[in-house]
N, C-alpha and C. Protein backbone atom coordinates (compact mmCIF):
# COMPACT_ATOMS: atom_id res chain seq x y z
N MET A 1 125.15 119.78 90.76
CA MET A 1 124.76 118.39 90.98
C MET A 1 124.88 117.60 89.69
N ASN A 2 125.49 116.40 89.74
CA ASN A 2 125.68 115.58 88.56
C ASN A 2 124.36 114.97 88.11
N GLU A 3 124.20 114.83 86.79
CA GLU A 3 122.97 114.26 86.24
C GLU A 3 122.85 112.78 86.60
N THR A 4 121.60 112.36 86.77
CA THR A 4 121.32 110.96 87.08
C THR A 4 120.82 110.26 85.83
N ILE A 5 121.49 109.17 85.47
CA ILE A 5 121.15 108.39 84.28
C ILE A 5 120.55 107.06 84.72
N LEU A 6 119.43 106.68 84.16
CA LEU A 6 118.83 105.37 84.42
C LEU A 6 119.08 104.48 83.21
N ILE A 7 119.72 103.33 83.44
CA ILE A 7 119.97 102.36 82.38
C ILE A 7 119.09 101.14 82.62
N VAL A 8 118.33 100.75 81.59
CA VAL A 8 117.39 99.63 81.71
C VAL A 8 117.73 98.58 80.66
N ASP A 9 118.13 97.38 81.11
CA ASP A 9 118.48 96.31 80.18
C ASP A 9 118.48 94.99 80.93
N ASP A 10 118.07 93.92 80.27
CA ASP A 10 118.05 92.62 80.94
C ASP A 10 119.37 91.86 80.77
N GLU A 11 120.38 92.50 80.19
CA GLU A 11 121.70 91.90 80.08
C GLU A 11 122.62 92.50 81.14
N PRO A 12 122.98 91.73 82.16
CA PRO A 12 123.81 92.27 83.26
C PRO A 12 125.12 92.88 82.80
N THR A 13 125.73 92.31 81.77
CA THR A 13 127.02 92.83 81.30
C THR A 13 126.88 94.26 80.77
N ILE A 14 125.80 94.50 80.02
CA ILE A 14 125.57 95.84 79.48
C ILE A 14 125.34 96.84 80.62
N LEU A 15 124.57 96.42 81.62
CA LEU A 15 124.34 97.30 82.77
C LEU A 15 125.64 97.63 83.47
N ASP A 16 126.45 96.62 83.70
CA ASP A 16 127.69 96.80 84.45
C ASP A 16 128.69 97.68 83.70
N VAL A 17 128.93 97.36 82.43
CA VAL A 17 129.92 98.11 81.64
C VAL A 17 129.46 99.56 81.45
N SER A 18 128.20 99.75 81.08
CA SER A 18 127.69 101.11 80.86
C SER A 18 127.75 101.93 82.14
N LYS A 19 127.41 101.31 83.25
CA LYS A 19 127.44 101.99 84.55
C LYS A 19 128.85 102.45 84.89
N ARG A 20 129.82 101.58 84.67
CA ARG A 20 131.20 101.93 85.01
C ARG A 20 131.73 103.08 84.15
N TYR A 21 131.43 103.04 82.85
CA TYR A 21 131.90 104.10 81.97
C TYR A 21 131.25 105.44 82.30
N LEU A 22 129.97 105.41 82.60
CA LEU A 22 129.27 106.66 82.92
C LEU A 22 129.72 107.22 84.27
N GLU A 23 129.97 106.36 85.24
CA GLU A 23 130.42 106.83 86.54
C GLU A 23 131.82 107.45 86.45
N LYS A 24 132.64 106.98 85.51
CA LYS A 24 133.95 107.59 85.29
C LYS A 24 133.81 109.03 84.83
N GLU A 25 132.67 109.33 84.20
CA GLU A 25 132.40 110.69 83.73
C GLU A 25 131.59 111.49 84.75
N ASN A 26 131.52 110.96 85.98
CA ASN A 26 130.88 111.64 87.11
C ASN A 26 129.35 111.72 87.02
N PHE A 27 128.76 110.79 86.26
CA PHE A 27 127.30 110.68 86.28
C PHE A 27 126.88 109.78 87.44
N LYS A 28 125.72 110.07 88.01
CA LYS A 28 125.10 109.15 88.95
C LYS A 28 124.29 108.16 88.13
N VAL A 29 124.45 106.86 88.36
CA VAL A 29 123.83 105.86 87.51
C VAL A 29 122.96 104.91 88.32
N LEU A 30 121.71 104.76 87.89
CA LEU A 30 120.79 103.78 88.45
C LEU A 30 120.51 102.74 87.38
N THR A 31 120.28 101.49 87.78
CA THR A 31 120.06 100.44 86.80
C THR A 31 118.81 99.62 87.14
N ALA A 32 118.23 99.03 86.09
CA ALA A 32 117.08 98.14 86.25
C ALA A 32 117.14 97.09 85.15
N SER A 33 116.61 95.91 85.43
CA SER A 33 116.68 94.81 84.47
C SER A 33 115.42 94.63 83.64
N ASP A 34 114.37 95.40 83.93
CA ASP A 34 113.15 95.37 83.11
C ASP A 34 112.36 96.65 83.34
N GLY A 35 111.35 96.85 82.50
CA GLY A 35 110.58 98.07 82.55
C GLY A 35 109.80 98.26 83.83
N LYS A 36 109.34 97.17 84.42
CA LYS A 36 108.56 97.27 85.66
C LYS A 36 109.41 97.83 86.80
N GLU A 37 110.61 97.28 86.94
CA GLU A 37 111.53 97.76 87.98
C GLU A 37 111.95 99.20 87.69
N ALA A 38 112.18 99.50 86.42
CA ALA A 38 112.62 100.84 86.03
C ALA A 38 111.54 101.89 86.33
N LEU A 39 110.28 101.53 86.11
CA LEU A 39 109.19 102.47 86.36
C LEU A 39 109.13 102.83 87.85
N GLU A 40 109.35 101.86 88.72
CA GLU A 40 109.37 102.13 90.17
C GLU A 40 110.50 103.08 90.52
N ILE A 41 111.65 102.91 89.87
CA ILE A 41 112.78 103.81 90.11
C ILE A 41 112.43 105.23 89.69
N CYS A 42 111.76 105.37 88.54
CA CYS A 42 111.38 106.70 88.05
C CYS A 42 110.39 107.38 88.99
N GLN A 43 109.56 106.60 89.63
CA GLN A 43 108.55 107.16 90.53
C GLN A 43 109.14 107.67 91.83
N HIS A 44 110.38 107.24 92.16
CA HIS A 44 110.97 107.61 93.44
C HIS A 44 112.30 108.35 93.32
N ASN A 45 112.71 108.68 92.09
CA ASN A 45 113.98 109.36 91.89
C ASN A 45 113.85 110.42 90.80
N GLN A 46 114.72 111.43 90.89
CA GLN A 46 114.78 112.46 89.85
C GLN A 46 115.75 111.97 88.77
N ILE A 47 115.22 111.61 87.61
CA ILE A 47 116.04 111.08 86.52
C ILE A 47 116.23 112.15 85.45
N ASN A 48 117.48 112.32 85.00
CA ASN A 48 117.77 113.32 83.97
C ASN A 48 117.74 112.74 82.56
N LEU A 49 118.01 111.44 82.42
CA LEU A 49 117.98 110.81 81.11
C LEU A 49 117.86 109.30 81.27
N ILE A 50 117.11 108.67 80.36
CA ILE A 50 116.90 107.22 80.42
C ILE A 50 117.52 106.56 79.20
N VAL A 51 118.26 105.48 79.44
CA VAL A 51 118.78 104.62 78.38
C VAL A 51 118.09 103.26 78.56
N THR A 52 117.33 102.83 77.56
CA THR A 52 116.58 101.59 77.75
C THR A 52 116.64 100.66 76.55
N ASP A 53 116.70 99.38 76.84
CA ASP A 53 116.56 98.34 75.83
C ASP A 53 115.09 98.27 75.43
N ILE A 54 114.79 97.58 74.34
CA ILE A 54 113.40 97.43 73.91
C ILE A 54 112.85 96.07 74.32
N MET A 55 113.54 95.00 73.95
CA MET A 55 113.05 93.64 74.23
C MET A 55 113.48 93.21 75.63
N MET A 56 112.53 93.26 76.57
CA MET A 56 112.80 92.89 77.96
C MET A 56 111.59 92.16 78.54
N PRO A 57 111.80 91.34 79.59
CA PRO A 57 110.68 90.65 80.23
C PRO A 57 109.82 91.63 81.04
N GLU A 58 108.68 91.15 81.50
CA GLU A 58 107.75 91.93 82.32
C GLU A 58 107.14 93.08 81.52
N VAL A 59 107.88 94.17 81.38
CA VAL A 59 107.43 95.33 80.62
C VAL A 59 108.54 95.69 79.64
N ASP A 60 108.23 95.72 78.33
CA ASP A 60 109.29 96.02 77.36
C ASP A 60 109.59 97.52 77.32
N GLY A 61 110.62 97.88 76.54
CA GLY A 61 111.07 99.26 76.52
C GLY A 61 110.04 100.25 76.02
N TYR A 62 109.28 99.85 75.00
CA TYR A 62 108.26 100.76 74.46
C TYR A 62 107.19 101.07 75.51
N ASP A 63 106.65 100.02 76.13
CA ASP A 63 105.60 100.22 77.13
C ASP A 63 106.13 101.00 78.34
N PHE A 64 107.36 100.70 78.72
CA PHE A 64 107.98 101.42 79.84
C PHE A 64 108.06 102.92 79.55
N ILE A 65 108.54 103.27 78.36
CA ILE A 65 108.68 104.69 78.00
C ILE A 65 107.32 105.37 77.93
N LEU A 66 106.33 104.69 77.40
CA LEU A 66 104.99 105.29 77.34
C LEU A 66 104.46 105.60 78.73
N GLN A 67 104.73 104.72 79.70
CA GLN A 67 104.30 104.97 81.08
C GLN A 67 105.12 106.10 81.71
N VAL A 68 106.41 106.16 81.40
CA VAL A 68 107.25 107.23 81.93
C VAL A 68 106.79 108.59 81.41
N LEU A 69 106.43 108.64 80.13
CA LEU A 69 106.00 109.90 79.54
C LEU A 69 104.70 110.40 80.15
N ASP A 70 103.91 109.50 80.72
CA ASP A 70 102.72 109.92 81.46
C ASP A 70 103.10 110.66 82.74
N LEU A 71 104.27 110.29 83.29
CA LEU A 71 104.76 110.94 84.51
C LEU A 71 105.50 112.24 84.19
N ASP A 72 106.28 112.21 83.11
CA ASP A 72 107.08 113.39 82.72
C ASP A 72 107.27 113.36 81.22
N GLU A 73 106.50 114.15 80.50
CA GLU A 73 106.55 114.12 79.04
C GLU A 73 107.80 114.77 78.47
N GLU A 74 108.59 115.44 79.31
CA GLU A 74 109.79 116.14 78.84
C GLU A 74 111.08 115.35 79.05
N ILE A 75 111.00 114.20 79.70
CA ILE A 75 112.23 113.47 80.04
C ILE A 75 112.90 112.94 78.78
N PRO A 76 114.21 113.17 78.63
CA PRO A 76 114.91 112.66 77.44
C PRO A 76 115.22 111.18 77.59
N PHE A 77 115.22 110.46 76.47
CA PHE A 77 115.52 109.03 76.53
C PHE A 77 116.08 108.57 75.19
N LEU A 78 116.84 107.49 75.25
CA LEU A 78 117.34 106.86 74.02
C LEU A 78 117.22 105.36 74.16
N PHE A 79 117.10 104.69 73.02
CA PHE A 79 116.97 103.24 73.00
C PHE A 79 118.29 102.60 72.61
N ILE A 80 118.61 101.47 73.25
CA ILE A 80 119.69 100.60 72.80
C ILE A 80 119.02 99.26 72.50
N SER A 81 119.24 98.72 71.31
CA SER A 81 118.47 97.54 70.94
C SER A 81 119.17 96.73 69.86
N ALA A 82 118.88 95.44 69.84
CA ALA A 82 119.35 94.56 68.76
C ALA A 82 118.43 94.65 67.55
N LYS A 83 117.31 95.37 67.70
CA LYS A 83 116.37 95.54 66.59
C LYS A 83 116.94 96.57 65.62
N THR A 84 117.21 96.15 64.39
CA THR A 84 117.92 97.00 63.44
C THR A 84 117.06 97.47 62.27
N GLN A 85 115.81 97.06 62.21
CA GLN A 85 114.97 97.45 61.08
C GLN A 85 114.58 98.92 61.17
N GLU A 86 114.39 99.52 60.00
CA GLU A 86 114.06 100.93 59.94
C GLU A 86 112.76 101.24 60.68
N LYS A 87 111.78 100.33 60.61
CA LYS A 87 110.50 100.58 61.26
C LYS A 87 110.66 100.74 62.77
N ASP A 88 111.63 100.01 63.36
CA ASP A 88 111.87 100.13 64.80
C ASP A 88 112.47 101.49 65.14
N ARG A 89 113.41 101.96 64.32
CA ARG A 89 114.00 103.28 64.52
C ARG A 89 112.94 104.37 64.39
N LEU A 90 112.13 104.26 63.34
CA LEU A 90 111.11 105.28 63.10
C LEU A 90 110.08 105.32 64.22
N TYR A 91 109.67 104.13 64.70
CA TYR A 91 108.70 104.11 65.79
C TYR A 91 109.30 104.72 67.05
N SER A 92 110.58 104.45 67.29
CA SER A 92 111.25 105.02 68.45
C SER A 92 111.29 106.54 68.37
N LEU A 93 111.58 107.08 67.18
CA LEU A 93 111.59 108.53 66.99
C LEU A 93 110.19 109.11 67.14
N THR A 94 109.19 108.34 66.69
CA THR A 94 107.81 108.80 66.85
C THR A 94 107.44 108.94 68.31
N LEU A 95 107.97 108.06 69.16
CA LEU A 95 107.72 108.15 70.60
C LEU A 95 108.42 109.36 71.21
N GLY A 96 109.40 109.90 70.49
CA GLY A 96 110.13 111.05 71.01
C GLY A 96 111.55 110.75 71.43
N ALA A 97 112.08 109.58 71.04
CA ALA A 97 113.44 109.21 71.43
C ALA A 97 114.45 110.22 70.92
N ASP A 98 115.45 110.55 71.74
CA ASP A 98 116.51 111.47 71.34
C ASP A 98 117.60 110.78 70.54
N ASP A 99 117.66 109.45 70.63
CA ASP A 99 118.68 108.71 69.89
C ASP A 99 118.31 107.23 69.89
N TYR A 100 119.00 106.46 69.04
CA TYR A 100 118.75 105.03 68.92
C TYR A 100 120.08 104.38 68.58
N ILE A 101 120.55 103.47 69.44
CA ILE A 101 121.83 102.81 69.25
C ILE A 101 121.59 101.31 69.10
N THR A 102 122.18 100.71 68.07
CA THR A 102 122.00 99.27 67.86
C THR A 102 123.12 98.49 68.56
N LYS A 103 122.73 97.33 69.07
CA LYS A 103 123.71 96.43 69.71
C LYS A 103 124.40 95.60 68.63
N PRO A 104 125.69 95.24 68.85
CA PRO A 104 126.55 95.68 69.95
C PRO A 104 127.01 97.12 69.74
N PHE A 105 127.32 97.80 70.83
CA PHE A 105 127.74 99.19 70.73
C PHE A 105 128.94 99.43 71.64
N SER A 106 129.64 100.51 71.37
CA SER A 106 130.78 100.90 72.19
C SER A 106 130.28 101.71 73.39
N PRO A 107 130.70 101.36 74.61
CA PRO A 107 130.30 102.15 75.77
C PRO A 107 130.80 103.59 75.69
N ARG A 108 131.93 103.80 75.02
CA ARG A 108 132.42 105.17 74.82
C ARG A 108 131.46 105.96 73.94
N GLU A 109 130.92 105.31 72.91
CA GLU A 109 129.95 105.98 72.05
C GLU A 109 128.69 106.32 72.83
N LEU A 110 128.26 105.41 73.69
CA LEU A 110 127.07 105.67 74.51
C LEU A 110 127.29 106.91 75.38
N VAL A 111 128.45 107.01 76.00
CA VAL A 111 128.76 108.15 76.85
C VAL A 111 128.71 109.45 76.04
N LEU A 112 129.31 109.44 74.85
CA LEU A 112 129.33 110.64 74.02
C LEU A 112 127.93 111.05 73.57
N ARG A 113 127.11 110.06 73.22
CA ARG A 113 125.75 110.38 72.78
C ARG A 113 124.92 110.96 73.94
N ILE A 114 125.11 110.40 75.12
CA ILE A 114 124.40 110.92 76.30
C ILE A 114 124.84 112.36 76.58
N LYS A 115 126.13 112.62 76.51
CA LYS A 115 126.64 113.98 76.73
C LYS A 115 126.07 114.95 75.71
N ASN A 116 125.99 114.52 74.45
CA ASN A 116 125.45 115.38 73.40
C ASN A 116 123.99 115.72 73.64
N ILE A 117 123.21 114.73 74.07
CA ILE A 117 121.79 114.96 74.35
C ILE A 117 121.63 115.95 75.49
N LEU A 118 122.37 115.74 76.57
CA LEU A 118 122.26 116.61 77.74
C LEU A 118 122.75 118.02 77.42
N ARG A 119 123.80 118.12 76.62
CA ARG A 119 124.31 119.44 76.22
C ARG A 119 123.26 120.19 75.42
N ARG A 120 122.60 119.48 74.50
CA ARG A 120 121.57 120.11 73.69
C ARG A 120 120.38 120.55 74.54
N ILE A 121 120.00 119.70 75.49
CA ILE A 121 118.87 120.02 76.36
C ILE A 121 119.19 121.23 77.22
N ASN A 122 120.39 121.26 77.78
CA ASN A 122 120.77 122.38 78.63
C ASN A 122 120.81 123.68 77.84
N LYS A 123 121.22 123.59 76.57
CA LYS A 123 121.24 124.77 75.72
C LYS A 123 119.82 125.23 75.41
N ASN A 124 118.92 124.25 75.28
CA ASN A 124 117.54 124.58 74.90
C ASN A 124 116.68 125.05 76.06
N THR A 125 117.23 125.00 77.30
CA THR A 125 116.43 125.44 78.44
C THR A 125 116.23 126.95 78.44
N SER A 126 117.11 127.64 77.71
CA SER A 126 116.93 129.08 77.59
C SER A 126 115.66 129.38 76.83
N LYS A 127 114.87 130.33 77.34
CA LYS A 127 113.61 130.69 76.68
C LYS A 127 113.73 132.02 75.95
N PHE A 128 114.95 132.55 75.89
CA PHE A 128 115.14 133.82 75.21
C PHE A 128 116.46 133.78 74.44
N ILE A 129 116.42 134.17 73.19
CA ILE A 129 117.62 134.19 72.35
C ILE A 129 117.86 135.62 71.89
N ASN A 130 119.10 136.07 72.03
CA ASN A 130 119.49 137.41 71.57
C ASN A 130 120.59 137.25 70.53
N ARG A 131 120.26 137.56 69.29
CA ARG A 131 121.23 137.49 68.20
C ARG A 131 121.39 138.88 67.59
N GLY A 132 121.80 139.84 68.42
CA GLY A 132 122.00 141.19 67.96
C GLY A 132 120.68 141.88 67.65
N VAL A 133 120.42 142.13 66.38
CA VAL A 133 119.18 142.82 66.00
C VAL A 133 117.97 141.89 66.05
N LEU A 134 118.22 140.58 66.20
CA LEU A 134 117.13 139.61 66.28
C LEU A 134 117.00 139.10 67.72
N LYS A 135 115.80 139.23 68.27
CA LYS A 135 115.52 138.75 69.62
C LYS A 135 114.28 137.86 69.57
N ILE A 136 114.38 136.68 70.23
CA ILE A 136 113.28 135.71 70.19
C ILE A 136 112.91 135.32 71.62
N ASP A 137 111.65 135.46 71.95
CA ASP A 137 111.11 135.06 73.25
C ASP A 137 110.22 133.85 73.04
N TYR A 138 110.70 132.69 73.51
CA TYR A 138 109.97 131.44 73.23
C TYR A 138 108.63 131.39 73.95
N GLU A 139 108.60 131.80 75.21
CA GLU A 139 107.36 131.71 75.99
C GLU A 139 106.28 132.63 75.41
N LYS A 140 106.68 133.79 74.93
CA LYS A 140 105.71 134.72 74.33
C LYS A 140 105.47 134.42 72.86
N ARG A 141 106.28 133.49 72.30
CA ARG A 141 106.19 133.14 70.87
C ARG A 141 106.34 134.41 70.03
N ALA A 142 107.34 135.20 70.39
CA ALA A 142 107.55 136.48 69.72
C ALA A 142 108.98 136.57 69.19
N ALA A 143 109.11 137.02 67.93
CA ALA A 143 110.41 137.27 67.33
C ALA A 143 110.45 138.72 66.85
N ILE A 144 111.49 139.45 67.26
CA ILE A 144 111.59 140.87 66.94
C ILE A 144 112.89 141.15 66.20
N LEU A 145 112.80 141.80 65.05
CA LEU A 145 113.97 142.16 64.25
C LEU A 145 113.98 143.67 64.07
N TYR A 146 115.08 144.31 64.49
CA TYR A 146 115.16 145.77 64.45
C TYR A 146 113.95 146.40 65.14
N ASP A 147 113.58 145.84 66.29
CA ASP A 147 112.47 146.36 67.10
C ASP A 147 111.10 146.23 66.41
N VAL A 148 111.05 145.46 65.32
CA VAL A 148 109.79 145.24 64.61
C VAL A 148 109.37 143.78 64.78
N PRO A 149 108.17 143.52 65.30
CA PRO A 149 107.71 142.13 65.46
C PRO A 149 107.58 141.44 64.10
N LEU A 150 108.08 140.21 64.02
CA LEU A 150 107.94 139.42 62.81
C LEU A 150 106.60 138.69 62.85
N ASP A 151 105.87 138.75 61.75
CA ASP A 151 104.57 138.07 61.65
C ASP A 151 104.82 136.65 61.14
N LEU A 152 104.97 135.71 62.08
CA LEU A 152 105.34 134.34 61.72
C LEU A 152 104.23 133.36 62.03
N THR A 153 104.13 132.32 61.21
CA THR A 153 103.23 131.21 61.52
C THR A 153 103.87 130.37 62.62
N ILE A 154 103.13 129.41 63.16
CA ILE A 154 103.65 128.56 64.23
C ILE A 154 104.92 127.84 63.78
N LYS A 155 104.90 127.24 62.60
CA LYS A 155 106.04 126.47 62.12
C LYS A 155 107.21 127.38 61.74
N GLU A 156 106.91 128.56 61.20
CA GLU A 156 107.99 129.50 60.89
C GLU A 156 108.71 129.94 62.15
N PHE A 157 107.95 130.18 63.21
CA PHE A 157 108.57 130.56 64.48
C PHE A 157 109.44 129.41 65.01
N ASP A 158 108.89 128.19 65.01
CA ASP A 158 109.65 127.03 65.50
C ASP A 158 110.93 126.82 64.69
N LEU A 159 110.83 127.00 63.39
CA LEU A 159 111.99 126.83 62.52
C LEU A 159 113.06 127.88 62.83
N LEU A 160 112.65 129.13 62.99
CA LEU A 160 113.59 130.19 63.32
C LEU A 160 114.23 129.95 64.69
N TRP A 161 113.44 129.50 65.65
CA TRP A 161 113.95 129.22 67.00
C TRP A 161 115.04 128.17 66.96
N VAL A 162 114.79 127.07 66.26
CA VAL A 162 115.78 125.98 66.19
C VAL A 162 117.06 126.48 65.52
N LEU A 163 116.94 127.17 64.40
CA LEU A 163 118.13 127.66 63.70
C LEU A 163 118.91 128.67 64.54
N ALA A 164 118.21 129.47 65.35
CA ALA A 164 118.86 130.50 66.15
C ALA A 164 119.50 129.97 67.41
N LEU A 165 119.12 128.77 67.83
CA LEU A 165 119.68 128.21 69.06
C LEU A 165 121.20 128.11 68.99
N ASP A 166 121.71 127.70 67.85
CA ASP A 166 123.16 127.58 67.67
C ASP A 166 123.52 128.17 66.31
N LYS A 167 123.98 129.42 66.30
CA LYS A 167 124.23 130.12 65.04
C LYS A 167 125.43 129.56 64.28
N GLU A 168 126.21 128.69 64.91
CA GLU A 168 127.36 128.10 64.23
C GLU A 168 127.03 126.75 63.59
N ARG A 169 125.87 126.21 63.93
CA ARG A 169 125.57 124.83 63.52
C ARG A 169 124.80 124.76 62.21
N VAL A 170 125.16 123.79 61.38
CA VAL A 170 124.42 123.49 60.17
C VAL A 170 123.43 122.37 60.50
N TYR A 171 122.14 122.64 60.28
CA TYR A 171 121.10 121.64 60.55
C TYR A 171 120.70 120.96 59.24
N SER A 172 120.72 119.64 59.24
CA SER A 172 120.27 118.91 58.06
C SER A 172 118.75 119.01 57.96
N LYS A 173 118.21 118.73 56.78
CA LYS A 173 116.77 118.78 56.59
C LYS A 173 116.07 117.78 57.51
N SER A 174 116.67 116.59 57.67
CA SER A 174 116.03 115.57 58.51
C SER A 174 115.98 116.03 59.97
N GLU A 175 117.03 116.73 60.45
CA GLU A 175 117.03 117.25 61.81
C GLU A 175 115.93 118.29 61.99
N LEU A 176 115.81 119.19 61.02
CA LEU A 176 114.79 120.23 61.12
C LEU A 176 113.39 119.65 61.04
N PHE A 177 113.20 118.65 60.18
CA PHE A 177 111.89 117.99 60.11
C PHE A 177 111.54 117.37 61.45
N GLU A 178 112.51 116.69 62.05
CA GLU A 178 112.25 116.01 63.33
C GLU A 178 111.93 117.01 64.43
N LYS A 179 112.68 118.12 64.49
CA LYS A 179 112.50 119.08 65.58
C LYS A 179 111.27 119.97 65.41
N VAL A 180 110.90 120.26 64.16
CA VAL A 180 109.81 121.21 63.90
C VAL A 180 108.51 120.53 63.51
N TRP A 181 108.60 119.52 62.65
CA TRP A 181 107.39 118.87 62.16
C TRP A 181 107.16 117.47 62.72
N GLY A 182 108.25 116.74 63.01
CA GLY A 182 108.10 115.36 63.42
C GLY A 182 108.50 114.44 62.28
N SER A 183 108.80 113.18 62.61
CA SER A 183 109.36 112.24 61.63
C SER A 183 108.43 111.95 60.48
N ASP A 184 107.11 112.14 60.61
CA ASP A 184 106.17 111.81 59.55
C ASP A 184 106.37 112.67 58.31
N TYR A 185 107.14 113.76 58.42
CA TYR A 185 107.28 114.69 57.30
C TYR A 185 108.62 114.56 56.59
N TYR A 186 109.38 113.52 56.89
CA TYR A 186 110.72 113.40 56.33
C TYR A 186 110.74 113.48 54.80
N GLU A 187 109.73 112.92 54.15
CA GLU A 187 109.76 112.83 52.70
C GLU A 187 109.18 114.07 52.02
N ASP A 188 108.62 114.99 52.77
CA ASP A 188 107.97 116.16 52.19
C ASP A 188 108.94 117.32 52.07
N ALA A 189 109.83 117.24 51.07
CA ALA A 189 110.87 118.26 50.92
C ALA A 189 110.27 119.62 50.58
N ASN A 190 109.16 119.64 49.87
CA ASN A 190 108.56 120.92 49.48
C ASN A 190 108.12 121.73 50.69
N THR A 191 107.66 121.05 51.74
CA THR A 191 107.26 121.75 52.97
C THR A 191 108.41 122.56 53.53
N MET A 192 109.59 121.94 53.60
CA MET A 192 110.77 122.64 54.11
C MET A 192 111.13 123.82 53.22
N ASN A 193 111.16 123.61 51.91
CA ASN A 193 111.55 124.67 50.98
C ASN A 193 110.63 125.88 51.09
N VAL A 194 109.33 125.63 51.18
CA VAL A 194 108.36 126.72 51.26
C VAL A 194 108.56 127.53 52.54
N HIS A 195 108.73 126.86 53.68
CA HIS A 195 108.88 127.57 54.95
C HIS A 195 110.19 128.35 55.01
N ILE A 196 111.28 127.76 54.49
CA ILE A 196 112.56 128.47 54.45
C ILE A 196 112.44 129.72 53.59
N HIS A 197 111.80 129.58 52.42
CA HIS A 197 111.63 130.71 51.50
C HIS A 197 110.82 131.83 52.16
N ARG A 198 109.70 131.49 52.80
CA ARG A 198 108.86 132.51 53.43
C ARG A 198 109.58 133.19 54.59
N LEU A 199 110.31 132.40 55.36
CA LEU A 199 111.04 132.96 56.51
C LEU A 199 112.13 133.92 56.03
N ARG A 200 112.83 133.55 54.97
CA ARG A 200 113.85 134.45 54.40
C ARG A 200 113.21 135.76 53.95
N ASP A 201 112.08 135.66 53.26
CA ASP A 201 111.40 136.86 52.77
C ASP A 201 111.02 137.80 53.91
N LYS A 202 110.53 137.23 55.00
CA LYS A 202 110.10 138.07 56.13
C LYS A 202 111.29 138.73 56.81
N LEU A 203 112.39 138.01 56.95
CA LEU A 203 113.60 138.59 57.54
C LEU A 203 114.13 139.72 56.66
N GLU A 204 114.14 139.51 55.36
CA GLU A 204 114.64 140.53 54.43
C GLU A 204 113.71 141.74 54.38
N HIS A 205 112.40 141.51 54.41
CA HIS A 205 111.44 142.62 54.32
C HIS A 205 111.56 143.55 55.53
N VAL A 206 111.60 142.97 56.72
CA VAL A 206 111.66 143.80 57.94
C VAL A 206 113.01 144.51 58.04
N SER A 207 114.08 143.85 57.62
CA SER A 207 115.41 144.48 57.72
C SER A 207 115.55 145.66 56.76
N ASP A 208 114.79 145.61 55.65
CA ASP A 208 114.74 146.74 54.71
C ASP A 208 116.15 147.16 54.25
N GLY A 209 116.92 146.19 53.83
CA GLY A 209 118.25 146.47 53.31
C GLY A 209 119.35 146.52 54.34
N ARG A 210 119.03 146.51 55.60
CA ARG A 210 120.04 146.54 56.66
C ARG A 210 120.58 145.13 56.92
N PRO A 211 121.79 145.01 57.49
CA PRO A 211 122.33 143.68 57.81
C PRO A 211 121.39 142.94 58.76
N HIS A 212 121.22 141.64 58.54
CA HIS A 212 120.30 140.89 59.39
C HIS A 212 120.69 139.41 59.38
N PRO A 213 120.26 138.65 60.39
CA PRO A 213 120.49 137.21 60.38
C PRO A 213 119.85 136.61 59.13
N ALA A 214 120.62 135.80 58.42
CA ALA A 214 120.14 135.23 57.16
C ALA A 214 120.24 133.71 57.18
N ILE A 215 119.24 133.06 56.63
CA ILE A 215 119.25 131.59 56.54
C ILE A 215 120.03 131.20 55.29
N LYS A 216 121.17 130.57 55.50
CA LYS A 216 122.03 130.18 54.40
C LYS A 216 121.87 128.69 54.09
N THR A 217 121.86 128.38 52.80
CA THR A 217 121.84 126.98 52.37
C THR A 217 123.28 126.50 52.25
N ILE A 218 123.61 125.46 52.97
CA ILE A 218 124.93 124.83 52.87
C ILE A 218 124.74 123.59 52.02
N TRP A 219 125.09 123.67 50.76
CA TRP A 219 124.75 122.62 49.81
C TRP A 219 125.30 121.26 50.23
N GLY A 220 124.41 120.27 50.19
CA GLY A 220 124.77 118.91 50.56
C GLY A 220 124.67 118.64 52.05
N LEU A 221 124.47 119.71 52.86
CA LEU A 221 124.44 119.54 54.31
C LEU A 221 123.11 119.99 54.92
N GLY A 222 122.69 121.21 54.60
CA GLY A 222 121.44 121.69 55.20
C GLY A 222 121.41 123.20 55.29
N TYR A 223 120.98 123.74 56.45
CA TYR A 223 120.79 125.18 56.62
C TYR A 223 121.43 125.64 57.93
N LYS A 224 121.83 126.91 57.93
CA LYS A 224 122.32 127.53 59.16
C LYS A 224 121.88 129.00 59.17
N LEU A 225 121.81 129.57 60.35
CA LEU A 225 121.49 130.98 60.50
C LEU A 225 122.79 131.74 60.68
N GLU A 226 123.11 132.59 59.72
CA GLU A 226 124.32 133.41 59.81
C GLU A 226 123.97 134.76 60.41
N VAL A 227 124.72 135.13 61.42
CA VAL A 227 124.47 136.39 62.12
C VAL A 227 125.69 137.28 61.94
N ASP A 228 125.49 138.50 61.43
CA ASP A 228 126.60 139.45 61.24
C ASP A 228 127.13 139.93 62.58
């Protein structure tokens, strides 16, 4: 079944163009011109992702999303807005937005960003990761290396889980902060360094000289989990 995308904007042209581009990619698209109308749609339809403007009549994008999250706190969403100040982006991320696009924007870019979000979500639906000698069970909050349970703190486990989700991907520090700690920790570089160092030590200690998944620093880019 194709994913259903809800687009919310008080500009008819944006609704029309975005709808046409997304339908070409076989998405089912629903539209609304304000937050009040959009909330009614969410209450009567299964929505896979929401794209919403911020400045709208009746109910603005922020209030709309807050009400939607009361219905489904896991629903992915992104903002499209003419608001370009950093405080608006940060507040949007604080609400849990998966992305933020400033107007004017390319409808092709919107399609690609939506696909990236859905691809990441579908990848993250797995609750178990098997990386050879390293096995992670998200629901049990358990990580096992060479059949030995790793003694991890909450944040160490979350950090290892994110890095292990895609062993080919390099995660920037800002991405890891957002996924593990939240946007409020962006400036606290020492927090990241300490957790990476402790996690490396625990992986090395349990492996006891044997080959094991290692957290590599990619200078200028971030971190990745290398698996032999």
